[in-house]
PDB file of N, CA and C in Angstrom:
ATOM      1  N   MET A   1     110.339 111.298 133.160  1.00  0.00           N
ATOM      2  CA  MET A   1     109.706 110.057 133.594  1.00  0.00           C
ATOM      3  C   MET A   1     110.564 109.269 134.624  1.00  0.00           C
ATOM      4  N   SER A   2     109.809 108.453 135.550  1.00  0.00           N
ATOM      5  CA  SER A   2     110.931 107.951 136.582  1.00  0.00           C
ATOM      6  C   SER A   2     111.141 106.587 135.903  1.00  0.00           C
ATOM      7  N   LYS A   3     112.069 105.950 136.417  1.00  0.00           N
ATOM      8  CA  LYS A   3     112.549 104.372 136.005  1.00  0.00           C
ATOM      9  C   LYS A   3     111.103 103.519 136.219  1.00  0.00           C
ATOM     10  N   ASN A   4     110.261 103.848 137.016  1.00  0.00           N
ATOM     11  CA  ASN A   4     109.098 102.791 137.060  1.00  0.00           C
ATOM     12  C   ASN A   4     107.931 103.066 136.140  1.00  0.00           C
ATOM     13  N   GLU A   5     107.944 104.158 135.415  1.00  0.00           N
ATOM     14  CA  GLU A   5     106.862 104.588 134.557  1.00  0.00           C
ATOM     15  C   GLU A   5     107.499 103.884 133.144  1.00  0.00           C
ATOM     16  N   LYS A   6     106.130 103.384 132.580  1.00  0.00           N
ATOM     17  CA  LYS A   6     106.466 102.707 131.447  1.00  0.00           C
ATOM     18  C   LYS A   6     105.315 103.272 130.368  1.00  0.00           C
ATOM     19  N   THR A   7     105.877 103.520 129.117  1.00  0.00           N
ATOM     20  CA  THR A   7     104.913 104.005 127.986  1.00  0.00           C
ATOM     21  C   THR A   7     103.873 103.191 127.653  1.00  0.00           C
ATOM     22  N   THR A   8     102.916 103.586 127.257  1.00  0.00           N
ATOM     23  CA  THR A   8     101.783 102.651 126.795  1.00  0.00           C
ATOM     24  C   THR A   8     101.954 102.133 125.371  1.00  0.00           C
ATOM     25  N   PHE A   9     102.450 102.852 124.679  1.00  0.00           N
ATOM     26  CA  PHE A   9     102.612 102.420 123.178  1.00  0.00           C
ATOM     27  C   PHE A   9     103.912 102.807 122.645  1.00  0.00           C
ATOM     28  N   LEU A  10     104.954 103.584 123.012  1.00  0.00           N
ATOM     29  CA  LEU A  10     105.920 103.882 122.605  1.00  0.00           C
ATOM     30  C   LEU A  10     107.040 103.191 122.933  1.00  0.00           C
ATOM     31  N   VAL A  11     108.253 102.934 122.272  1.00  0.00           N
ATOM     32  CA  VAL A  11     109.393 102.159 122.655  1.00  0.00           C
ATOM     33  C   VAL A  11     110.283 103.066 123.724  1.00  0.00           C
ATOM     34  N   THR A  12     110.542 102.467 124.656  1.00  0.00           N
ATOM     35  CA  THR A  12     111.319 103.038 125.735  1.00  0.00           C
ATOM     36  C   THR A  12     112.272 101.997 126.244  1.00  0.00           C
ATOM     37  N   GLU A  13     113.030 102.369 127.212  1.00  0.00           N
ATOM     38  CA  GLU A  13     113.841 101.311 127.993  1.00  0.00           C
ATOM     39  C   GLU A  13     112.952 100.487 128.664  1.00  0.00           C
ATOM     40  N   GLU A  14     111.780 100.821 129.216  1.00  0.00           N
ATOM     41  CA  GLU A  14     111.104  99.875 130.096  1.00  0.00           C
ATOM     42  C   GLU A  14     109.979  99.190 128.962  1.00  0.00           C
ATOM     43  N   ASN A  15     109.907  99.582 127.938  1.00  0.00           N
ATOM     44  CA  ASN A  15     108.988  99.158 126.805  1.00  0.00           C
ATOM     45  C   ASN A  15     109.674  98.590 125.445  1.00  0.00           C
ATOM     46  N   PRO A  16     110.673  97.855 125.576  1.00  0.00           N
ATOM     47  CA  PRO A  16     111.277  97.847 124.287  1.00  0.00           C
ATOM     48  C   PRO A  16     110.669  97.072 123.129  1.00  0.00           C
ATOM     49  N   GLU A  17     109.429  96.644 123.313  1.00  0.00           N
ATOM     50  CA  GLU A  17     108.642  96.202 122.540  1.00  0.00           C
ATOM     51  C   GLU A  17     107.623  97.242 121.741  1.00  0.00           C
ATOM     52  N   GLY A  18     107.785  98.235 122.560  1.00  0.00           N
ATOM     53  CA  GLY A  18     106.906  99.403 121.905  1.00  0.00           C
ATOM     54  C   GLY A  18     107.322  99.867 120.506  1.00  0.00           C
ATOM     55  N   TRP A  19     106.317 100.931 119.972  1.00  0.00           N
ATOM     56  CA  TRP A  19     106.442 101.350 118.542  1.00  0.00           C
ATOM     57  C   TRP A  19     107.202 102.537 118.541  1.00  0.00           C
ATOM     58  N   LYS A  20     107.794 102.729 117.305  1.00  0.00           N
ATOM     59  CA  LYS A  20     108.400 104.162 116.964  1.00  0.00           C
ATOM     60  C   LYS A  20     107.252 104.974 116.728  1.00  0.00           C
ATOM     61  N   ILE A  21     107.417 106.243 117.096  1.00  0.00           N
ATOM     62  CA  ILE A  21     106.312 107.149 116.749  1.00  0.00           C
ATOM     63  C   ILE A  21     105.920 107.198 115.099  1.00  0.00           C
ATOM     64  N   GLU A  22     106.827 107.236 114.214  1.00  0.00           N
ATOM     65  CA  GLU A  22     106.422 107.374 112.924  1.00  0.00           C
ATOM     66  C   GLU A  22     105.621 105.963 112.666  1.00  0.00           C
ATOM     67  N   ASP A  23     105.888 104.790 113.276  1.00  0.00           N
ATOM     68  CA  ASP A  23     105.128 103.636 112.832  1.00  0.00           C
ATOM     69  C   ASP A  23     103.864 103.652 113.428  1.00  0.00           C
ATOM     70  N   ILE A  24     103.470 103.963 114.656  1.00  0.00           N
ATOM     71  CA  ILE A  24     102.209 104.259 115.289  1.00  0.00           C
ATOM     72  C   ILE A  24     101.291 105.132 114.613  1.00  0.00           C
ATOM     73  N   LEU A  25     102.018 106.277 114.044  1.00  0.00           N
ATOM     74  CA  LEU A  25     101.353 107.368 113.377  1.00  0.00           C
ATOM     75  C   LEU A  25     100.762 106.710 111.955  1.00  0.00           C
ATOM     76  N   SER A  26     101.877 105.980 111.328  1.00  0.00           N
ATOM     77  CA  SER A  26     101.530 105.659 109.922  1.00  0.00           C
ATOM     78  C   SER A  26     100.433 104.356 110.006  1.00  0.00           C
ATOM     79  N   THR A  27     100.238 103.588 111.066  1.00  0.00           N
ATOM     80  CA  THR A  27      99.351 102.800 111.417  1.00  0.00           C
ATOM     81  C   THR A  27      97.930 103.430 111.610  1.00  0.00           C
ATOM     82  N   ILE A  28      97.879 104.442 112.402  1.00  0.00           N
ATOM     83  CA  ILE A  28      96.673 105.242 112.462  1.00  0.00           C
ATOM     84  C   ILE A  28      96.283 106.063 111.135  1.00  0.00           C
ATOM     85  N   GLN A  29      97.240 106.391 110.536  1.00  0.00           N
ATOM     86  CA  GLN A  29      96.849 107.138 109.292  1.00  0.00           C
ATOM     87  C   GLN A  29      96.271 106.134 108.281  1.00  0.00           C
ATOM     88  N   ASP A  30      96.833 104.883 108.082  1.00  0.00           N
ATOM     89  CA  ASP A  30      96.351 103.744 107.199  1.00  0.00           C
ATOM     90  C   ASP A  30      94.869 103.366 107.694  1.00  0.00           C
ATOM     91  N   ASP A  31      94.588 103.279 109.024  1.00  0.00           N
ATOM     92  CA  ASP A  31      93.242 102.860 109.622  1.00  0.00           C
ATOM     93  C   ASP A  31      92.225 104.152 109.154  1.00  0.00           C
ATOM     94  N   MET A  32      92.669 105.325 109.339  1.00  0.00           N
ATOM     95  CA  MET A  32      91.873 106.557 109.037  1.00  0.00           C
ATOM     96  C   MET A  32      91.479 106.550 107.598  1.00  0.00           C
ATOM     97  N   PHE A  33      92.433 106.218 106.955  1.00  0.00           N
ATOM     98  CA  PHE A  33      92.357 106.243 105.419  1.00  0.00           C
ATOM     99  C   PHE A  33      91.129 105.358 104.896  1.00  0.00           C
ATOM    100  N   ARG A  34      91.361 104.049 105.523  1.00  0.00           N
ATOM    101  CA  ARG A  34      90.348 103.142 105.151  1.00  0.00           C
ATOM    102  C   ARG A  34      88.985 103.654 105.485  1.00  0.00           C
ATOM    103  N   ARG A  35      88.875 103.976 106.802  1.00  0.00           N
ATOM    104  CA  ARG A  35      87.483 104.322 107.269  1.00  0.00           C
ATOM    105  C   ARG A  35      86.910 105.549 106.426  1.00  0.00           C
ATOM    106  N   THR A  36      87.770 106.436 106.144  1.00  0.00           N
ATOM    107  CA  THR A  36      87.490 107.802 105.259  1.00  0.00           C
ATOM    108  C   THR A  36      86.996 107.380 104.137  1.00  0.00           C
ATOM    109  N   GLN A  37      87.449 106.373 103.345  1.00  0.00           N
ATOM    110  CA  GLN A  37      87.127 105.824 102.079  1.00  0.00           C
ATOM    111  C   GLN A  37      85.522 105.240 102.312  1.00  0.00           C
ATOM    112  N   LYS A  38      85.027 104.927 103.157  1.00  0.00           N
ATOM    113  CA  LYS A  38      83.986 104.416 103.329  1.00  0.00           C
ATOM    114  C   LYS A  38      82.756 105.473 103.394  1.00  0.00           C
ATOM    115  N   ILE A  39      83.069 106.808 103.557  1.00  0.00           N
ATOM    116  CA  ILE A  39      82.109 107.856 103.481  1.00  0.00           C
ATOM    117  C   ILE A  39      82.230 108.870 102.437  1.00  0.00           C
ATOM    118  N   VAL A  40      83.312 108.406 101.575  1.00  0.00           N
ATOM    119  CA  VAL A  40      83.221 109.369 100.339  1.00  0.00           C
ATOM    120  C   VAL A  40      81.940 109.535  99.309  1.00  0.00           C
ATOM    121  N   GLY A  41      81.341 108.415  99.439  1.00  0.00           N
ATOM    122  CA  GLY A  41      80.067 108.558  98.447  1.00  0.00           C
ATOM    123  C   GLY A  41      78.934 109.164  99.169  1.00  0.00           C
ATOM    124  N   ASP A  42      79.063 109.491 100.439  1.00  0.00           N
ATOM    125  CA  ASP A  42      78.054 110.008 101.197  1.00  0.00           C
ATOM    126  C   ASP A  42      77.904 111.513 101.093  1.00  0.00           C
ATOM    127  N   HIS A  43      76.994 112.020 100.385  1.00  0.00           N
ATOM    128  CA  HIS A  43      76.752 113.396 100.267  1.00  0.00           C
ATOM    129  C   HIS A  43      76.074 114.267 101.067  1.00  0.00           C
ATOM    130  N   ARG A  44      75.581 113.843 102.284  1.00  0.00           N
ATOM    131  CA  ARG A  44      74.988 114.425 103.233  1.00  0.00           C
ATOM    132  C   ARG A  44      75.929 115.649 103.865  1.00  0.00           C
ATOM    133  N   ASP A  45      75.574 116.663 104.176  1.00  0.00           N
ATOM    134  CA  ASP A  45      76.189 117.798 104.803  1.00  0.00           C
ATOM    135  C   ASP A  45      77.217 117.220 105.866  1.00  0.00           C
ATOM    136  N   GLU A  46      76.628 116.530 106.807  1.00  0.00           N
ATOM    137  CA  GLU A  46      77.442 116.005 107.907  1.00  0.00           C
ATOM    138  C   GLU A  46      78.687 115.178 107.498  1.00  0.00           C
ATOM    139  N   ALA A  47      78.261 114.186 106.355  1.00  0.00           N
ATOM    140  CA  ALA A  47      79.493 113.445 105.880  1.00  0.00           C
ATOM    141  C   ALA A  47      80.203 114.119 105.141  1.00  0.00           C
ATOM    142  N   ARG A  48      80.006 115.144 104.487  1.00  0.00           N
ATOM    143  CA  ARG A  48      81.105 116.018 103.747  1.00  0.00           C
ATOM    144  C   ARG A  48      81.894 116.953 104.738  1.00  0.00           C
ATOM    145  N   GLU A  49      81.084 117.135 106.107  1.00  0.00           N
ATOM    146  CA  GLU A  49      82.063 117.687 106.811  1.00  0.00           C
ATOM    147  C   GLU A  49      83.079 116.986 107.620  1.00  0.00           C
ATOM    148  N   VAL A  50      82.583 115.654 108.014  1.00  0.00           N
ATOM    149  CA  VAL A  50      83.708 114.655 108.614  1.00  0.00           C
ATOM    150  C   VAL A  50      84.564 114.195 107.660  1.00  0.00           C
ATOM    151  N   LEU A  51      84.131 114.316 106.191  1.00  0.00           N
ATOM    152  CA  LEU A  51      85.267 113.992 105.461  1.00  0.00           C
ATOM    153  C   LEU A  51      86.339 115.085 105.144  1.00  0.00           C
ATOM    154  N   LYS A  52      85.853 116.231 105.017  1.00  0.00           N
ATOM    155  CA  LYS A  52      86.730 117.431 105.054  1.00  0.00           C
ATOM    156  C   LYS A  52      87.690 117.530 106.162  1.00  0.00           C
ATOM    157  N   ASN A  53      87.215 117.097 107.526  1.00  0.00           N
ATOM    158  CA  ASN A  53      87.853 116.993 108.517  1.00  0.00           C
ATOM    159  C   ASN A  53      88.954 115.932 108.669  1.00  0.00           C
ATOM    160  N   ASN A  54      88.444 114.669 108.212  1.00  0.00           N
ATOM    161  CA  ASN A  54      89.412 113.625 108.250  1.00  0.00           C
ATOM    162  C   ASN A  54      90.574 113.803 107.061  1.00  0.00           C
ATOM    163  N   ILE A  55      90.303 114.455 106.055  1.00  0.00           N
ATOM    164  CA  ILE A  55      91.322 114.792 105.101  1.00  0.00           C
ATOM    165  C   ILE A  55      92.434 115.896 105.759  1.00  0.00           C
ATOM    166  N   GLU A  56      91.991 116.581 106.530  1.00  0.00           N
ATOM    167  CA  GLU A  56      92.790 117.698 107.136  1.00  0.00           C
ATOM    168  C   GLU A  56      93.578 116.850 108.104  1.00  0.00           C
ATOM    169  N   VAL A  57      93.098 115.928 108.910  1.00  0.00           N
ATOM    170  CA  VAL A  57      93.801 115.154 109.954  1.00  0.00           C
ATOM    171  C   VAL A  57      94.927 114.385 109.243  1.00  0.00           C
ATOM    172  N   LEU A  58      94.444 113.758 108.013  1.00  0.00           N
ATOM    173  CA  LEU A  58      95.587 112.845 107.216  1.00  0.00           C
ATOM    174  C   LEU A  58      96.684 113.591 106.948  1.00  0.00           C
ATOM    175  N   GLY A  59      96.416 114.936 106.630  1.00  0.00           N
ATOM    176  CA  GLY A  59      97.460 115.799 106.070  1.00  0.00           C
ATOM    177  C   GLY A  59      98.384 116.224 107.274  1.00  0.00           C
ATOM    178  N   LEU A  60      97.829 116.436 108.347  1.00  0.00           N
ATOM    179  CA  LEU A  60      98.452 116.696 109.784  1.00  0.00           C
ATOM    180  C   LEU A  60      99.345 115.391 109.974  1.00  0.00           C
ATOM    181  N   LEU A  61      98.793 114.331 110.028  1.00  0.00           N
ATOM    182  CA  LEU A  61      99.626 113.018 110.407  1.00  0.00           C
ATOM    183  C   LEU A  61     100.582 112.920 109.333  1.00  0.00           C
ATOM    184  N   SER A  62     100.495 113.118 108.090  1.00  0.00           N
ATOM    185  CA  SER A  62     101.870 113.199 107.341  1.00  0.00           C
ATOM    186  C   SER A  62     102.770 113.971 107.636  1.00  0.00           C
ATOM    187  N   LEU A  63     102.437 115.294 108.143  1.00  0.00           N
ATOM    188  CA  LEU A  63     103.446 116.164 108.714  1.00  0.00           C
ATOM    189  C   LEU A  63     104.278 115.736 110.007  1.00  0.00           C
ATOM    190  N   CYS A  64     103.318 114.990 110.891  1.00  0.00           N
ATOM    191  CA  CYS A  64     103.930 114.343 112.148  1.00  0.00           C
ATOM    192  C   CYS A  64     104.774 113.040 111.674  1.00  0.00           C
ATOM    193  N   ILE A  65     104.462 112.574 110.932  1.00  0.00           N
ATOM    194  CA  ILE A  65     105.277 111.175 110.310  1.00  0.00           C
ATOM    195  C   ILE A  65     106.549 111.512 109.904  1.00  0.00           C
ATOM    196  N   ASP A  66     106.447 112.784 109.092  1.00  0.00           N
ATOM    197  CA  ASP A  66     107.531 113.514 108.581  1.00  0.00           C
ATOM    198  C   ASP A  66     108.663 113.762 109.605  1.00  0.00           C
ATOM    199  N   LYS A  67     108.170 114.588 110.575  1.00  0.00           N
ATOM    200  CA  LYS A  67     108.867 114.963 111.528  1.00  0.00           C
ATOM    201  C   LYS A  67     109.382 114.078 112.525  1.00  0.00           C
ATOM    202  N   ALA A  68     108.587 112.769 112.915  1.00  0.00           N
ATOM    203  CA  ALA A  68     109.240 111.673 113.549  1.00  0.00           C
ATOM    204  C   ALA A  68     110.328 111.052 112.892  1.00  0.00           C
ATOM    205  N   LYS A  69     110.126 110.961 111.542  1.00  0.00           N
ATOM    206  CA  LYS A  69     111.232 110.409 110.712  1.00  0.00           C
ATOM    207  C   LYS A  69     112.618 111.244 110.804  1.00  0.00           C
ATOM    208  N   ASP A  70     112.258 112.377 110.666  1.00  0.00           N
ATOM    209  CA  ASP A  70     113.487 113.410 110.728  1.00  0.00           C
ATOM    210  C   ASP A  70     114.155 113.099 112.218  1.00  0.00           C
ATOM    211  N   SER A  71     113.466 113.093 113.149  1.00  0.00           N
ATOM    212  CA  SER A  71     114.052 112.900 114.436  1.00  0.00           C
ATOM    213  C   SER A  71     115.016 111.561 114.601  1.00  0.00           C
ATOM    214  N   THR A  72     114.106 110.461 114.019  1.00  0.00           N
ATOM    215  CA  THR A  72     114.987 109.153 114.011  1.00  0.00           C
ATOM    216  C   THR A  72     116.299 109.226 113.116  1.00  0.00           C
ATOM    217  N   LYS A  73     116.254 109.825 111.992  1.00  0.00           N
ATOM    218  CA  LYS A  73     117.577 110.091 111.081  1.00  0.00           C
ATOM    219  C   LYS A  73     118.560 110.696 112.095  1.00  0.00           C
ATOM    220  N   ILE A  74     118.202 111.897 112.625  1.00  0.00           N
ATOM    221  CA  ILE A  74     119.019 112.484 113.533  1.00  0.00           C
ATOM    222  C   ILE A  74     119.704 111.788 114.583  1.00  0.00           C
ATOM    223  N   LEU A  75     118.814 110.935 115.316  1.00  0.00           N
ATOM    224  CA  LEU A  75     119.325 110.049 116.408  1.00  0.00           C
ATOM    225  C   LEU A  75     120.297 108.956 115.688  1.00  0.00           C
ATOM    226  N   ASP A  76     119.942 108.470 114.665  1.00  0.00           N
ATOM    227  CA  ASP A  76     120.698 107.306 113.865  1.00  0.00           C
ATOM    228  C   ASP A  76     121.957 107.917 113.548  1.00  0.00           C
ATOM    229  N   ARG A  77     121.927 108.984 112.875  1.00  0.00           N
ATOM    230  CA  ARG A  77     123.137 109.728 112.362  1.00  0.00           C
ATOM    231  C   ARG A  77     124.056 110.351 113.295  1.00  0.00           C
ATOM    232  N   SER A  78     123.482 110.593 114.754  1.00  0.00           N
ATOM    233  CA  SER A  78     124.258 110.966 115.521  1.00  0.00           C
ATOM    234  C   SER A  78     124.741 110.063 116.595  1.00  0.00           C
ATOM    235  N   PHE A  79     123.923 109.036 116.908  1.00  0.00           N
ATOM    236  CA  PHE A  79     124.390 108.413 118.120  1.00  0.00           C
ATOM    237  C   PHE A  79     124.315 106.572 117.452  1.00  0.00           C
ATOM    238  N   GLY A  80     124.083 106.344 116.321  1.00  0.00           N
ATOM    239  CA  GLY A  80     123.851 104.913 115.729  1.00  0.00           C
ATOM    240  C   GLY A  80     122.524 104.493 116.062  1.00  0.00           C
ATOM    241  N   PRO A  81     122.361 103.162 115.710  1.00  0.00           N
ATOM    242  CA  PRO A  81     121.066 102.637 115.794  1.00  0.00           C
ATOM    243  C   PRO A  81     120.851 102.407 117.341  1.00  0.00           C
ATOM    244  N   HIS A  82     119.525 102.400 117.648  1.00  0.00           N
ATOM    245  CA  HIS A  82     118.968 102.122 118.999  1.00  0.00           C
ATOM    246  C   HIS A  82     119.405 101.027 119.785  1.00  0.00           C
ATOM    247  N   LYS A  83     119.914 100.937 120.950  1.00  0.00           N
ATOM    248  CA  LYS A  83     120.372  99.546 121.408  1.00  0.00           C
ATOM    249  C   LYS A  83     119.264  99.310 122.534  1.00  0.00           C
ATOM    250  N   GLU A  84     118.729  98.239 122.362  1.00  0.00           N
ATOM    251  CA  GLU A  84     117.503  98.017 123.602  1.00  0.00           C
ATOM    252  C   GLU A  84     118.006  98.180 124.926  1.00  0.00           C
ATOM    253  N   GLY A  85     117.250  98.931 125.679  1.00  0.00           N
ATOM    254  CA  GLY A  85     117.587  99.048 127.308  1.00  0.00           C
ATOM    255  C   GLY A  85     118.432 100.193 127.490  1.00  0.00           C
ATOM    256  N   LYS A  86     118.800 101.145 126.458  1.00  0.00           N
ATOM    257  CA  LYS A  86     119.467 102.046 126.541  1.00  0.00           C
ATOM    258  C   LYS A  86     119.048 103.301 125.744  1.00  0.00           C
ATOM    259  N   PRO A  87     118.805 104.514 126.382  1.00  0.00           N
ATOM    260  CA  PRO A  87     118.071 105.653 125.479  1.00  0.00           C
ATOM    261  C   PRO A  87     119.285 106.229 124.837  1.00  0.00           C
ATOM    262  N   ARG A  88     119.196 106.729 123.680  1.00  0.00           N
ATOM    263  CA  ARG A  88     120.242 107.566 122.926  1.00  0.00           C
ATOM    264  C   ARG A  88     120.341 108.856 123.454  1.00  0.00           C
ATOM    265  N   ILE A  89     119.274 109.750 123.844  1.00  0.00           N
ATOM    266  CA  ILE A  89     119.346 110.924 124.420  1.00  0.00           C
ATOM    267  C   ILE A  89     118.503 110.995 125.587  1.00  0.00           C
ATOM    268  N   GLY A  90     118.426 112.107 126.323  1.00  0.00           N
ATOM    269  CA  GLY A  90     117.843 111.894 127.512  1.00  0.00           C
ATOM    270  C   GLY A  90     118.192 111.220 128.709  1.00  0.00           C
ATOM    271  N   VAL A  91     117.375 111.457 130.091  1.00  0.00           N
ATOM    272  CA  VAL A  91     117.732 110.920 131.239  1.00  0.00           C
ATOM    273  C   VAL A  91     117.328 109.551 131.332  1.00  0.00           C
ATOM    274  N   ALA A  92     118.350 108.520 131.550  1.00  0.00           N
ATOM    275  CA  ALA A  92     118.037 106.860 131.648  1.00  0.00           C
ATOM    276  C   ALA A  92     117.328 106.920 133.201  1.00  0.00           C
TER     277      ALA A  92
END
């Protein structure tokens, strides 16, 4: 990523107000869970298939959130807390 490129959602040097990966994934998971609750009582085949898919996606999001948290722990342990405007790893 060049100096002039800015991420859309994630925190970077150019986007200090962005989200941490685990935070945005958790918010998506929360939204998806709320939406999924609305179809639990619908017993049509299509609704059951969508429910099954959503449950699988929610589980995958949990795995992704755990991986993102692990990465944050590694960075915090190795390089200390994030300082605005300065990446802890990678090319600035």
